Amino acid sequence: MNVTACIIRAVLLTLAFAGCGKKSSPLVVPTLPRVSIADVPAPPSATIVVQQGSTLQAIATAAYHHEDFSGFVGQLNGIAVPERLRAGVTLKTPSIPVAFRDAGLDASYQPAINALAKAWLDLIEILPAHVRARDSSGANDGETFAVPTEIKTRLIACADAIDASVDVLMHPKSGHLVPLKAIGQFAGTSGSLRNFASGTVWSRDYETFMAEKGFCLGFTYALIWTQAGHK
């Protein structure tokens, strides 16, 4: 099975899982949340002046809450070699939806990107509470614990938003290619969040890290796709 087929299969399995327990269809795609560009808070500053000794990882963390957004910041600002980041340079750090809009995103995909951006911010808000609940339960790798209802509900809501957005990206306009790398990352993150909601502990050391990284890489690959004219 080639890489493309593997990614599509993973996405379909994720969406199928989203529809488990629903009688209307064996494959139920959640409804895309209505999220406007204005609904996604922007970073503290739309631009950042690079200070001596600063790194893309530090800038990414300050703007987008995670160091693995460094690739996104670099791509957005045309920095091919992060090690050559120069002090005094001004970098763009707008909200994620604005970054995509200004990079030339086709308007038909904007609602999906908006929903993904809002899901990311919701996730980084709820993940610490999930980790605290997991750790206080004493559950180890391969075990399960009772996830508090509010946390479970919010995790599933994030996963639903991801799956609905992925469905949009999987059906591009004529002449556009499917952003398979981005979709693979987002779909993997959705699966992780549903696993979190179930209370199953996969790896106390890596599970939250991998979910966050999937989001970061997903946005980076989606930005590359956008800048390439959706090719």
Protein backbone atom coordinates (compact mmCIF):
# COMPACT_ATOMS: atom_id res chain seq x y z
CA MET A 1 0.00 0.00 0.00
CA ASN A 2 1.52 3.37 -1.01
CA VAL A 3 1.76 6.44 1.24
CA THR A 4 -1.26 8.16 -0.32
CA ALA A 5 -3.46 5.11 0.16
CA CYS A 6 -2.28 4.72 3.75
CA ILE A 7 -3.15 8.32 4.60
CA ILE A 8 -6.59 8.13 2.99
CA ARG A 9 -7.28 4.83 4.79
CA ALA A 10 -6.26 6.39 8.13
CA VAL A 11 -8.53 9.36 7.53
CA LEU A 12 -11.49 7.16 6.63
CA LEU A 13 -10.94 5.06 9.73
CA THR A 14 -10.83 8.19 11.88
CA LEU A 15 -14.05 9.53 10.39
CA ALA A 16 -15.70 6.14 10.72
CA PHE A 17 -14.78 6.11 14.39
CA ALA A 18 -16.40 9.52 14.73
CA GLY A 19 -19.65 7.97 13.57
CA CYS A 20 -19.59 4.99 15.89
CA GLY A 21 -22.90 4.40 17.64
CA LYS A 22 -24.88 6.50 15.18
CA LYS A 23 -27.55 4.64 13.21
CA SER A 24 -27.95 7.04 10.30
CA SER A 25 -24.83 5.90 8.45
CA PRO A 26 -21.77 3.71 8.89
CA LEU A 27 -19.70 6.81 8.09
CA VAL A 28 -20.92 10.02 9.70
CA VAL A 29 -18.88 13.19 9.29
CA PRO A 30 -19.46 15.73 12.08
CA THR A 31 -20.90 19.13 11.18
CA LEU A 32 -18.27 21.78 10.58
CA PRO A 33 -18.45 24.36 13.40
CA ARG A 34 -19.14 27.93 12.33
CA VAL A 35 -15.95 29.75 13.19
CA SER A 36 -15.09 33.13 11.72
CA ILE A 37 -11.61 34.57 11.43
CA ALA A 38 -12.50 36.99 14.22
CA ASP A 39 -13.43 34.08 16.52
CA VAL A 40 -9.80 32.93 16.67
CA PRO A 41 -7.73 35.12 19.00
CA ALA A 42 -4.55 36.50 17.49
CA PRO A 43 -1.12 36.19 19.13
CA PRO A 44 -0.08 39.08 21.41
CA SER A 45 1.55 40.79 18.42
CA ALA A 46 1.00 40.44 14.67
CA THR A 47 4.75 40.86 14.20
CA ILE A 48 7.83 40.03 16.24
CA VAL A 49 11.25 41.64 15.96
CA VAL A 50 13.89 38.94 16.37
CA GLN A 51 16.14 39.57 19.34
CA GLN A 52 19.76 38.52 19.60
CA GLY A 53 19.92 34.85 20.55
CA SER A 54 16.24 34.20 19.87
CA THR A 55 15.10 31.10 17.97
CA LEU A 56 12.15 30.15 15.79
CA GLN A 57 11.11 27.69 18.49
CA ALA A 58 10.90 30.46 21.09
CA ILE A 59 9.04 32.76 18.71
CA ALA A 60 6.63 29.97 17.76
CA THR A 61 5.92 29.22 21.41
CA ALA A 62 5.22 32.87 22.18
CA ALA A 63 2.91 33.29 19.20
CA TYR A 64 1.23 29.91 18.80
CA HIS A 65 1.80 28.14 22.14
CA HIS A 66 4.13 25.40 20.93
CA GLU A 67 7.73 25.25 19.72
CA ASP A 68 6.82 22.88 16.87
CA PHE A 69 5.03 25.77 15.18
CA SER A 70 8.57 26.86 14.28
CA GLY A 71 8.12 25.27 10.86
CA PHE A 72 4.89 27.21 10.38
CA VAL A 73 6.58 30.50 11.34
CA GLY A 74 9.53 29.74 9.09
CA GLN A 75 7.30 28.84 6.14
CA LEU A 76 5.14 31.89 6.67
CA ASN A 77 8.17 34.19 6.64
CA GLY A 78 10.22 32.45 3.94
CA ILE A 79 12.91 31.22 6.30
CA ALA A 80 14.36 28.09 4.74
CA VAL A 81 17.23 27.71 7.20
CA PRO A 82 16.16 28.43 10.81
CA GLU A 83 19.78 28.53 11.96
CA ARG A 84 20.28 31.66 9.86
CA LEU A 85 17.64 33.66 11.70
CA ARG A 86 19.06 37.17 12.10
CA ALA A 87 18.48 39.60 14.95
CA GLY A 88 16.52 42.69 13.95
CA VAL A 89 14.39 40.92 11.34
CA THR A 90 10.64 41.44 11.67
CA LEU A 91 8.57 38.26 11.40
CA LYS A 92 4.85 37.98 10.73
CA THR A 93 2.92 36.22 13.49
CA PRO A 94 -0.78 36.79 12.74
CA SER A 95 -3.60 34.54 13.85
CA ILE A 96 -3.60 31.19 12.06
CA PRO A 97 -6.68 31.99 9.94
CA VAL A 98 -5.23 35.36 8.90
CA ALA A 99 -1.92 33.71 8.02
CA PHE A 100 -3.71 31.35 5.65
CA ARG A 101 -5.96 34.02 4.19
CA ASP A 102 -3.01 36.30 3.45
CA ALA A 103 -1.03 33.38 2.00
CA GLY A 104 -3.69 32.97 -0.69
CA LEU A 105 -5.97 30.31 0.76
CA ASP A 106 -9.00 29.68 -1.44
CA ALA A 107 -12.04 31.04 0.39
CA SER A 108 -13.80 27.68 0.18
CA TYR A 109 -11.26 26.20 2.65
CA GLN A 110 -11.22 29.14 5.07
CA PRO A 111 -14.05 27.82 7.32
CA ALA A 112 -12.17 24.55 7.78
CA ILE A 113 -8.92 26.31 8.66
CA ASN A 114 -10.79 28.57 11.07
CA ALA A 115 -12.33 25.54 12.78
CA LEU A 116 -8.96 23.81 13.02
CA ALA A 117 -7.36 26.92 14.52
CA LYS A 118 -10.11 27.22 17.12
CA ALA A 119 -9.80 23.50 17.91
CA TRP A 120 -6.06 23.96 18.48
CA LEU A 121 -6.62 26.78 20.98
CA ASP A 122 -9.35 24.80 22.73
CA LEU A 123 -7.08 21.77 22.93
CA ILE A 124 -4.12 23.52 24.54
CA GLU A 125 -6.55 24.91 27.10
CA ILE A 126 -8.06 21.54 28.03
CA LEU A 127 -5.02 19.23 27.73
CA PRO A 128 -3.44 20.24 31.07
CA ALA A 129 -6.69 19.34 32.85
CA HIS A 130 -6.74 15.99 31.09
CA VAL A 131 -3.14 15.28 32.09
CA ARG A 132 -3.88 16.22 35.72
CA ALA A 133 -6.89 13.89 35.76
CA ARG A 134 -4.84 11.09 34.24
CA ASP A 135 -1.94 11.53 36.65
CA SER A 136 -4.12 11.82 39.74
CA SER A 137 -5.88 8.58 38.74
CA GLY A 138 -2.61 6.68 38.87
CA ALA A 139 -3.34 4.97 35.53
CA ASN A 140 -0.26 3.66 33.73
CA ASP A 141 0.41 2.84 30.09
CA GLY A 142 -2.17 0.39 28.76
CA GLU A 143 -4.67 1.18 31.53
CA THR A 144 -7.78 3.35 31.58
CA PHE A 145 -9.21 5.96 33.92
CA ALA A 146 -12.49 7.82 34.29
CA VAL A 147 -12.23 11.06 32.32
CA PRO A 148 -14.28 13.90 33.87
CA THR A 149 -17.35 14.65 31.76
CA GLU A 150 -16.41 18.24 30.88
CA ILE A 151 -12.95 17.22 29.71
CA LYS A 152 -14.33 14.32 27.68
CA THR A 153 -16.95 16.54 26.05
CA ARG A 154 -14.41 19.16 25.04
CA LEU A 155 -11.94 16.61 23.69
CA ILE A 156 -14.64 15.03 21.54
CA ALA A 157 -15.73 18.48 20.34
CA CYS A 158 -12.15 19.19 19.23
CA ALA A 159 -11.95 15.83 17.45
CA ASP A 160 -15.29 16.46 15.73
CA ALA A 161 -14.08 19.86 14.51
CA ILE A 162 -10.92 18.26 13.13
CA ASP A 163 -12.83 15.50 11.35
CA ALA A 164 -15.29 17.96 9.81
CA SER A 165 -12.40 20.15 8.61
CA VAL A 166 -10.52 17.16 7.23
CA ASP A 167 -13.60 16.20 5.24
CA VAL A 168 -13.57 19.65 3.60
CA LEU A 169 -9.88 19.35 2.72
CA MET A 170 -10.41 15.85 1.33
CA HIS A 171 -12.79 17.27 -1.28
CA PRO A 172 -10.85 20.12 -2.91
CA LYS A 173 -12.04 22.26 -5.78
CA SER A 174 -11.35 21.19 -9.35
CA GLY A 175 -7.70 21.75 -10.18
CA HIS A 176 -6.58 21.59 -6.55
CA LEU A 177 -4.77 18.66 -4.98
CA VAL A 178 -5.70 17.00 -1.71
CA PRO A 179 -3.26 18.19 1.02
CA LEU A 180 -2.46 14.64 2.08
CA LYS A 181 0.38 15.41 4.48
CA ALA A 182 -1.71 17.94 6.37
CA ILE A 183 -4.73 15.64 6.44
CA GLY A 184 -2.64 12.76 7.77
CA GLN A 185 -1.41 14.86 10.69
CA PHE A 186 -4.82 16.27 11.55
CA ALA A 187 -6.51 12.87 11.30
CA GLY A 188 -3.92 11.33 13.57
CA THR A 189 -4.50 14.05 16.13
CA SER A 190 -8.25 13.48 16.01
CA GLY A 191 -7.70 9.81 16.75
CA SER A 192 -5.48 10.71 19.70
CA LEU A 193 -8.10 13.04 21.17
CA ARG A 194 -10.79 10.39 20.94
CA ASN A 195 -8.41 8.02 22.69
CA PHE A 196 -7.88 10.63 25.42
CA ALA A 197 -11.64 10.98 25.81
CA SER A 198 -11.98 7.22 26.26
CA GLY A 199 -9.55 7.33 29.19
CA THR A 200 -7.12 4.88 27.62
CA VAL A 201 -3.49 5.67 28.42
CA TRP A 202 -1.27 4.93 25.45
CA SER A 203 1.94 6.55 26.71
CA ARG A 204 2.19 8.94 29.63
CA ASP A 205 5.44 10.27 28.17
CA TYR A 206 4.44 10.81 24.55
CA GLU A 207 0.69 10.85 23.93
CA THR A 208 0.03 14.55 24.53
CA PHE A 209 3.29 15.48 22.81
CA MET A 210 2.28 13.58 19.69
CA ALA A 211 -1.21 15.10 19.62
CA GLU A 212 0.23 18.61 19.84
CA LYS A 213 2.90 17.88 17.26
CA GLY A 214 0.27 16.56 14.83
CA PHE A 215 -1.54 19.88 14.96
CA CYS A 216 1.68 21.86 14.46
CA LEU A 217 2.80 19.79 11.47
CA GLY A 218 -0.71 19.77 10.03
CA PHE A 219 -0.83 23.54 9.88
CA THR A 220 2.69 23.72 8.43
CA TYR A 221 1.88 21.26 5.63
CA ALA A 222 -1.42 23.01 4.95
CA LEU A 223 0.41 26.34 4.64
CA ILE A 224 2.89 24.84 2.17
CA TRP A 225 -0.08 23.54 0.14
CA THR A 226 -1.70 26.99 0.24
CA GLN A 227 1.45 28.83 -0.83
CA ALA A 228 1.87 26.38 -3.70
CA GLY A 229 -1.54 27.32 -5.07
CA HIS A 230 -3.21 24.24 -3.53
CA LYS A 231 -0.99 21.91 -5.52
